[in-house]
Amino acid sequence: MNTTPQVIIINGNSCTGKSYLLHKLTQKLDLPNVSRDEFKEMLFEQMGIGDAEWSKKLGGMSYSLFFMTIEKLLKTKKSFIIENNFNPKIHSQALKSLLEKFDYESMEIFLEADPAVILNRHKKRWESGERHRGHADNERFEEFEMKLKEEVAVPLNVSERIIRIDTSDFTKVNYDEILGSL
């Protein structure tokens, strides 16, 4: 990595391996990281688990905490990593403004996969019990499937560099190559 403070943005649809990549990069690069789901799951633990509408409400609150934390990290003038399934229509301008305000460089690692693979992973993750129950994914499988069909996930386009990685087959993802490109 270069000497200018940098934000590494890990973005992509659900079930594309964002959290796994975040942990690998955090270990190898020894950088602080922020994942929005951690805030959301903390809110579930403090405020309780409810239905899909409750999950969406806490999701909105988690975005406020997430962006507040990003701003605090930007003030440190040190590199760090953020991870989320960002919606460019909603989040691009806010993130771009923060990066410009604090004079940071950024790069985006955008993970994508075949929609059928994503949907299958989504259902298996819920059924396995590894997904926090507060997310209420079981109530939103149809909504998630429609979103996959209607909206193609795209990068935020706030970064100078965007690395796109197809994670349809995790065995074909070269994590050493990703690290080497940083």
C-alpha atoms as a PDB file:
ATOM      1  CA  MET A   1       0.000   0.000   0.000  1.00  0.00           C
ATOM      2  CA  ASN A   2       1.097   3.571  -0.576  1.00  0.00           C
ATOM      3  CA  THR A   3       1.795   6.134   2.172  1.00  0.00           C
ATOM      4  CA  THR A   4      -1.309   8.287   1.596  1.00  0.00           C
ATOM      5  CA  PRO A   5      -4.095   7.226   3.971  1.00  0.00           C
ATOM      6  CA  GLN A   6      -6.466   4.949   2.149  1.00  0.00           C
ATOM      7  CA  VAL A   7      -9.893   3.498   2.704  1.00  0.00           C
ATOM      8  CA  ILE A   8     -10.358   0.042   1.254  1.00  0.00           C
ATOM      9  CA  ILE A   9     -14.041  -0.392   0.479  1.00  0.00           C
ATOM     10  CA  ILE A  10     -15.355  -3.954   0.277  1.00  0.00           C
ATOM     11  CA  ASN A  11     -18.706  -3.842  -1.459  1.00  0.00           C
ATOM     12  CA  GLY A  12     -21.068  -6.251  -3.157  1.00  0.00           C
ATOM     13  CA  ASN A  13     -24.302  -8.104  -2.792  1.00  0.00           C
ATOM     14  CA  SER A  14     -25.141 -10.297   0.172  1.00  0.00           C
ATOM     15  CA  CYS A  15     -23.435 -13.693   0.187  1.00  0.00           C
ATOM     16  CA  THR A  16     -20.555 -12.740  -2.107  1.00  0.00           C
ATOM     17  CA  GLY A  17     -17.876 -13.220   0.561  1.00  0.00           C
ATOM     18  CA  LYS A  18     -17.437  -9.649   1.798  1.00  0.00           C
ATOM     19  CA  SER A  19     -17.033 -10.577   5.472  1.00  0.00           C
ATOM     20  CA  TYR A  20     -14.568 -13.347   4.661  1.00  0.00           C
ATOM     21  CA  LEU A  21     -12.476 -10.995   2.542  1.00  0.00           C
ATOM     22  CA  LEU A  22     -12.653  -8.335   5.257  1.00  0.00           C
ATOM     23  CA  HIS A  23     -11.191 -10.732   7.822  1.00  0.00           C
ATOM     24  CA  LYS A  24      -8.448 -11.902   5.448  1.00  0.00           C
ATOM     25  CA  LEU A  25      -7.410  -8.333   4.590  1.00  0.00           C
ATOM     26  CA  THR A  26      -7.596  -7.191   8.203  1.00  0.00           C
ATOM     27  CA  GLN A  27      -5.269 -10.003   9.269  1.00  0.00           C
ATOM     28  CA  LYS A  28      -2.778  -9.540   6.441  1.00  0.00           C
ATOM     29  CA  LEU A  29      -2.717  -5.736   6.432  1.00  0.00           C
ATOM     30  CA  ASP A  30      -3.175  -5.168  10.183  1.00  0.00           C
ATOM     31  CA  LEU A  31      -5.719  -2.399   9.569  1.00  0.00           C
ATOM     32  CA  PRO A  32      -8.777  -1.417  11.571  1.00  0.00           C
ATOM     33  CA  ASN A  33     -12.081  -2.297   9.962  1.00  0.00           C
ATOM     34  CA  VAL A  34     -15.738  -1.402  10.163  1.00  0.00           C
ATOM     35  CA  SER A  35     -18.601  -3.631   9.050  1.00  0.00           C
ATOM     36  CA  ARG A  36     -22.164  -2.313   9.162  1.00  0.00           C
ATOM     37  CA  ASP A  37     -23.631  -5.713  10.034  1.00  0.00           C
ATOM     38  CA  GLU A  38     -21.700  -5.639  13.308  1.00  0.00           C
ATOM     39  CA  PHE A  39     -23.578  -2.474  14.294  1.00  0.00           C
ATOM     40  CA  LYS A  40     -26.902  -3.941  13.226  1.00  0.00           C
ATOM     41  CA  GLU A  41     -26.318  -7.144  15.160  1.00  0.00           C
ATOM     42  CA  MET A  42     -25.276  -5.160  18.235  1.00  0.00           C
ATOM     43  CA  LEU A  43     -28.585  -3.292  17.976  1.00  0.00           C
ATOM     44  CA  PHE A  44     -30.460  -6.615  17.794  1.00  0.00           C
ATOM     45  CA  GLU A  45     -28.687  -7.733  20.958  1.00  0.00           C
ATOM     46  CA  GLN A  46     -29.553  -4.511  22.794  1.00  0.00           C
ATOM     47  CA  MET A  47     -33.020  -3.799  21.432  1.00  0.00           C
ATOM     48  CA  GLY A  48     -34.330  -7.251  20.598  1.00  0.00           C
ATOM     49  CA  ILE A  49     -35.172  -9.319  17.571  1.00  0.00           C
ATOM     50  CA  GLY A  50     -38.383  -8.678  15.687  1.00  0.00           C
ATOM     51  CA  ASP A  51     -39.844  -9.096  12.246  1.00  0.00           C
ATOM     52  CA  ALA A  52     -38.516  -7.932   8.860  1.00  0.00           C
ATOM     53  CA  GLU A  53     -39.787  -4.371   9.419  1.00  0.00           C
ATOM     54  CA  TRP A  54     -37.952  -4.199  12.747  1.00  0.00           C
ATOM     55  CA  SER A  55     -34.802  -5.444  11.019  1.00  0.00           C
ATOM     56  CA  LYS A  56     -35.130  -2.683   8.404  1.00  0.00           C
ATOM     57  CA  LYS A  57     -35.619  -0.072  11.130  1.00  0.00           C
ATOM     58  CA  LEU A  58     -32.485  -1.198  12.969  1.00  0.00           C
ATOM     59  CA  GLY A  59     -30.735  -1.349   9.601  1.00  0.00           C
ATOM     60  CA  GLY A  60     -31.361   2.375   9.176  1.00  0.00           C
ATOM     61  CA  MET A  61     -29.981   3.051  12.645  1.00  0.00           C
ATOM     62  CA  SER A  62     -26.931   0.919  11.882  1.00  0.00           C
ATOM     63  CA  TYR A  63     -26.153   3.071   8.822  1.00  0.00           C
ATOM     64  CA  SER A  64     -26.056   6.164  11.033  1.00  0.00           C
ATOM     65  CA  LEU A  65     -23.605   4.468  13.410  1.00  0.00           C
ATOM     66  CA  PHE A  66     -21.587   3.090  10.492  1.00  0.00           C
ATOM     67  CA  PHE A  67     -21.114   6.461   8.782  1.00  0.00           C
ATOM     68  CA  MET A  68     -20.408   8.196  12.095  1.00  0.00           C
ATOM     69  CA  THR A  69     -17.636   5.661  12.758  1.00  0.00           C
ATOM     70  CA  ILE A  70     -16.232   6.061   9.247  1.00  0.00           C
ATOM     71  CA  GLU A  71     -16.007   9.808   9.794  1.00  0.00           C
ATOM     72  CA  LYS A  72     -14.213   9.306  13.127  1.00  0.00           C
ATOM     73  CA  LEU A  73     -11.723   6.944  11.472  1.00  0.00           C
ATOM     74  CA  LEU A  74     -11.135   9.407   8.628  1.00  0.00           C
ATOM     75  CA  LYS A  75     -10.169  12.027  11.202  1.00  0.00           C
ATOM     76  CA  THR A  76      -7.268   9.799  12.307  1.00  0.00           C
ATOM     77  CA  LYS A  77      -5.560  10.162   8.890  1.00  0.00           C
ATOM     78  CA  LYS A  78      -4.776   6.423   8.954  1.00  0.00           C
ATOM     79  CA  SER A  79      -5.774   3.697   6.525  1.00  0.00           C
ATOM     80  CA  PHE A  80      -8.666   1.356   7.312  1.00  0.00           C
ATOM     81  CA  ILE A  81     -11.167  -1.013   5.703  1.00  0.00           C
ATOM     82  CA  ILE A  82     -14.966  -0.749   5.466  1.00  0.00           C
ATOM     83  CA  GLU A  83     -17.387  -3.459   4.404  1.00  0.00           C
ATOM     84  CA  ASN A  84     -21.044  -3.315   3.461  1.00  0.00           C
ATOM     85  CA  ASN A  85     -23.513  -4.052   0.687  1.00  0.00           C
ATOM     86  CA  PHE A  86     -23.732  -0.408  -0.337  1.00  0.00           C
ATOM     87  CA  ASN A  87     -26.507   0.980  -2.488  1.00  0.00           C
ATOM     88  CA  PRO A  88     -24.809   3.452  -4.874  1.00  0.00           C
ATOM     89  CA  LYS A  89     -28.015   5.505  -5.279  1.00  0.00           C
ATOM     90  CA  ILE A  90     -28.077   6.136  -1.540  1.00  0.00           C
ATOM     91  CA  HIS A  91     -24.473   5.917  -0.317  1.00  0.00           C
ATOM     92  CA  SER A  92     -22.130   7.061  -3.098  1.00  0.00           C
ATOM     93  CA  GLN A  93     -22.450  10.789  -2.558  1.00  0.00           C
ATOM     94  CA  ALA A  94     -22.230  10.610   1.239  1.00  0.00           C
ATOM     95  CA  LEU A  95     -19.111   8.460   1.118  1.00  0.00           C
ATOM     96  CA  LYS A  96     -17.521  10.519  -1.657  1.00  0.00           C
ATOM     97  CA  SER A  97     -18.086  13.710   0.333  1.00  0.00           C
ATOM     98  CA  LEU A  98     -16.433  12.222   3.407  1.00  0.00           C
ATOM     99  CA  LEU A  99     -13.426  10.989   1.416  1.00  0.00           C
ATOM    100  CA  GLU A 100     -12.969  14.410  -0.183  1.00  0.00           C
ATOM    101  CA  LYS A 101     -13.457  16.274   3.097  1.00  0.00           C
ATOM    102  CA  PHE A 102     -10.639  14.329   4.757  1.00  0.00           C
ATOM    103  CA  ASP A 103      -8.448  14.032   1.649  1.00  0.00           C
ATOM    104  CA  TYR A 104      -8.354  10.242   1.505  1.00  0.00           C
ATOM    105  CA  GLU A 105      -7.659   7.939  -1.370  1.00  0.00           C
ATOM    106  CA  SER A 106      -9.856   4.912  -1.697  1.00  0.00           C
ATOM    107  CA  MET A 107     -10.120   1.718  -3.606  1.00  0.00           C
ATOM    108  CA  GLU A 108     -13.160  -0.467  -3.948  1.00  0.00           C
ATOM    109  CA  ILE A 109     -13.122  -4.226  -4.053  1.00  0.00           C
ATOM    110  CA  PHE A 110     -16.462  -5.107  -5.595  1.00  0.00           C
ATOM    111  CA  LEU A 111     -17.567  -8.716  -5.173  1.00  0.00           C
ATOM    112  CA  GLU A 112     -20.165 -10.129  -7.508  1.00  0.00           C
ATOM    113  CA  ALA A 113     -21.604 -13.547  -8.258  1.00  0.00           C
ATOM    114  CA  ASP A 114     -24.251 -15.254 -10.316  1.00  0.00           C
ATOM    115  CA  PRO A 115     -27.669 -14.319  -8.861  1.00  0.00           C
ATOM    116  CA  ALA A 116     -28.754 -17.979  -8.605  1.00  0.00           C
ATOM    117  CA  VAL A 117     -25.596 -18.757  -6.609  1.00  0.00           C
ATOM    118  CA  ILE A 118     -26.209 -15.761  -4.342  1.00  0.00           C
ATOM    119  CA  LEU A 119     -29.811 -16.801  -3.687  1.00  0.00           C
ATOM    120  CA  ASN A 120     -28.769 -20.361  -2.898  1.00  0.00           C
ATOM    121  CA  ARG A 121     -26.049 -19.126  -0.493  1.00  0.00           C
ATOM    122  CA  HIS A 122     -28.517 -16.724   1.094  1.00  0.00           C
ATOM    123  CA  LYS A 123     -30.974 -19.515   1.884  1.00  0.00           C
ATOM    124  CA  LYS A 124     -28.263 -21.935   3.056  1.00  0.00           C
ATOM    125  CA  ARG A 125     -26.708 -19.304   5.326  1.00  0.00           C
ATOM    126  CA  TRP A 126     -30.063 -18.729   7.009  1.00  0.00           C
ATOM    127  CA  GLU A 127     -30.848 -22.436   7.309  1.00  0.00           C
ATOM    128  CA  SER A 128     -27.406 -23.175   8.783  1.00  0.00           C
ATOM    129  CA  GLY A 129     -28.030 -20.786  11.681  1.00  0.00           C
ATOM    130  CA  GLU A 130     -24.833 -18.819  11.015  1.00  0.00           C
ATOM    131  CA  ARG A 131     -26.798 -15.662  10.145  1.00  0.00           C
ATOM    132  CA  HIS A 132     -27.993 -13.589  13.112  1.00  0.00           C
ATOM    133  CA  ARG A 133     -31.720 -14.195  13.527  1.00  0.00           C
ATOM    134  CA  GLY A 134     -32.377 -10.487  13.857  1.00  0.00           C
ATOM    135  CA  HIS A 135     -31.878 -10.050  10.103  1.00  0.00           C
ATOM    136  CA  ALA A 136     -35.175 -11.941   9.564  1.00  0.00           C
ATOM    137  CA  ASP A 137     -33.937 -13.189   6.175  1.00  0.00           C
ATOM    138  CA  ASN A 138     -36.497 -16.008   6.276  1.00  0.00           C
ATOM    139  CA  GLU A 139     -39.265 -13.403   5.943  1.00  0.00           C
ATOM    140  CA  ARG A 140     -37.595 -11.753   2.975  1.00  0.00           C
ATOM    141  CA  PHE A 141     -36.440 -14.544   0.642  1.00  0.00           C
ATOM    142  CA  GLU A 142     -38.966 -13.567  -2.042  1.00  0.00           C
ATOM    143  CA  GLU A 143     -38.093  -9.871  -1.708  1.00  0.00           C
ATOM    144  CA  PHE A 144     -34.400 -10.708  -1.951  1.00  0.00           C
ATOM    145  CA  GLU A 145     -34.979 -12.900  -5.022  1.00  0.00           C
ATOM    146  CA  MET A 146     -36.945 -10.130  -6.771  1.00  0.00           C
ATOM    147  CA  LYS A 147     -34.223  -7.606  -5.986  1.00  0.00           C
ATOM    148  CA  LEU A 148     -31.598  -9.926  -7.503  1.00  0.00           C
ATOM    149  CA  LYS A 149     -33.697 -10.188 -10.673  1.00  0.00           C
ATOM    150  CA  GLU A 150     -34.552  -6.504 -10.973  1.00  0.00           C
ATOM    151  CA  GLU A 151     -31.420  -4.708  -9.763  1.00  0.00           C
ATOM    152  CA  VAL A 152     -27.910  -5.451 -10.877  1.00  0.00           C
ATOM    153  CA  ALA A 153     -25.476  -4.668  -8.069  1.00  0.00           C
ATOM    154  CA  VAL A 154     -22.871  -2.131  -9.170  1.00  0.00           C
ATOM    155  CA  PRO A 155     -19.795  -0.526  -7.599  1.00  0.00           C
ATOM    156  CA  LEU A 156     -20.072   2.762  -5.732  1.00  0.00           C
ATOM    157  CA  ASN A 157     -17.724   4.468  -8.196  1.00  0.00           C
ATOM    158  CA  VAL A 158     -16.268   6.777  -5.550  1.00  0.00           C
ATOM    159  CA  SER A 159     -12.774   5.293  -5.800  1.00  0.00           C
ATOM    160  CA  GLU A 160      -9.830   5.821  -8.075  1.00  0.00           C
ATOM    161  CA  ARG A 161      -9.454   2.050  -8.356  1.00  0.00           C
ATOM    162  CA  ILE A 162     -12.139  -0.592  -8.556  1.00  0.00           C
ATOM    163  CA  ILE A 163     -11.261  -4.266  -8.466  1.00  0.00           C
ATOM    164  CA  ARG A 164     -14.132  -6.498  -9.546  1.00  0.00           C
ATOM    165  CA  ILE A 165     -14.061 -10.114  -8.390  1.00  0.00           C
ATOM    166  CA  ASP A 166     -16.468 -12.855  -9.398  1.00  0.00           C
ATOM    167  CA  THR A 167     -17.071 -15.018  -6.332  1.00  0.00           C
ATOM    168  CA  SER A 168     -19.556 -17.414  -7.935  1.00  0.00           C
ATOM    169  CA  ASP A 169     -17.005 -20.146  -7.164  1.00  0.00           C
ATOM    170  CA  PHE A 170     -15.059 -19.347  -4.002  1.00  0.00           C
ATOM    171  CA  THR A 171     -12.398 -21.920  -4.912  1.00  0.00           C
ATOM    172  CA  LYS A 172     -11.410 -19.778  -7.908  1.00  0.00           C
ATOM    173  CA  VAL A 173     -10.876 -16.566  -5.895  1.00  0.00           C
ATOM    174  CA  ASN A 174      -7.166 -15.784  -5.603  1.00  0.00           C
ATOM    175  CA  TYR A 175      -6.861 -13.914  -2.305  1.00  0.00           C
ATOM    176  CA  ASP A 176      -3.086 -13.599  -2.641  1.00  0.00           C
ATOM    177  CA  GLU A 177      -3.614 -11.814  -5.961  1.00  0.00           C
ATOM    178  CA  ILE A 178      -6.078  -9.438  -4.305  1.00  0.00           C
ATOM    179  CA  LEU A 179      -3.562  -8.664  -1.558  1.00  0.00           C
ATOM    180  CA  GLY A 180      -0.842  -8.145  -4.152  1.00  0.00           C
ATOM    181  CA  SER A 181      -2.969  -5.592  -5.979  1.00  0.00           C
ATOM    182  CA  LEU A 182      -3.274  -3.379  -2.911  1.00  0.00           C
END
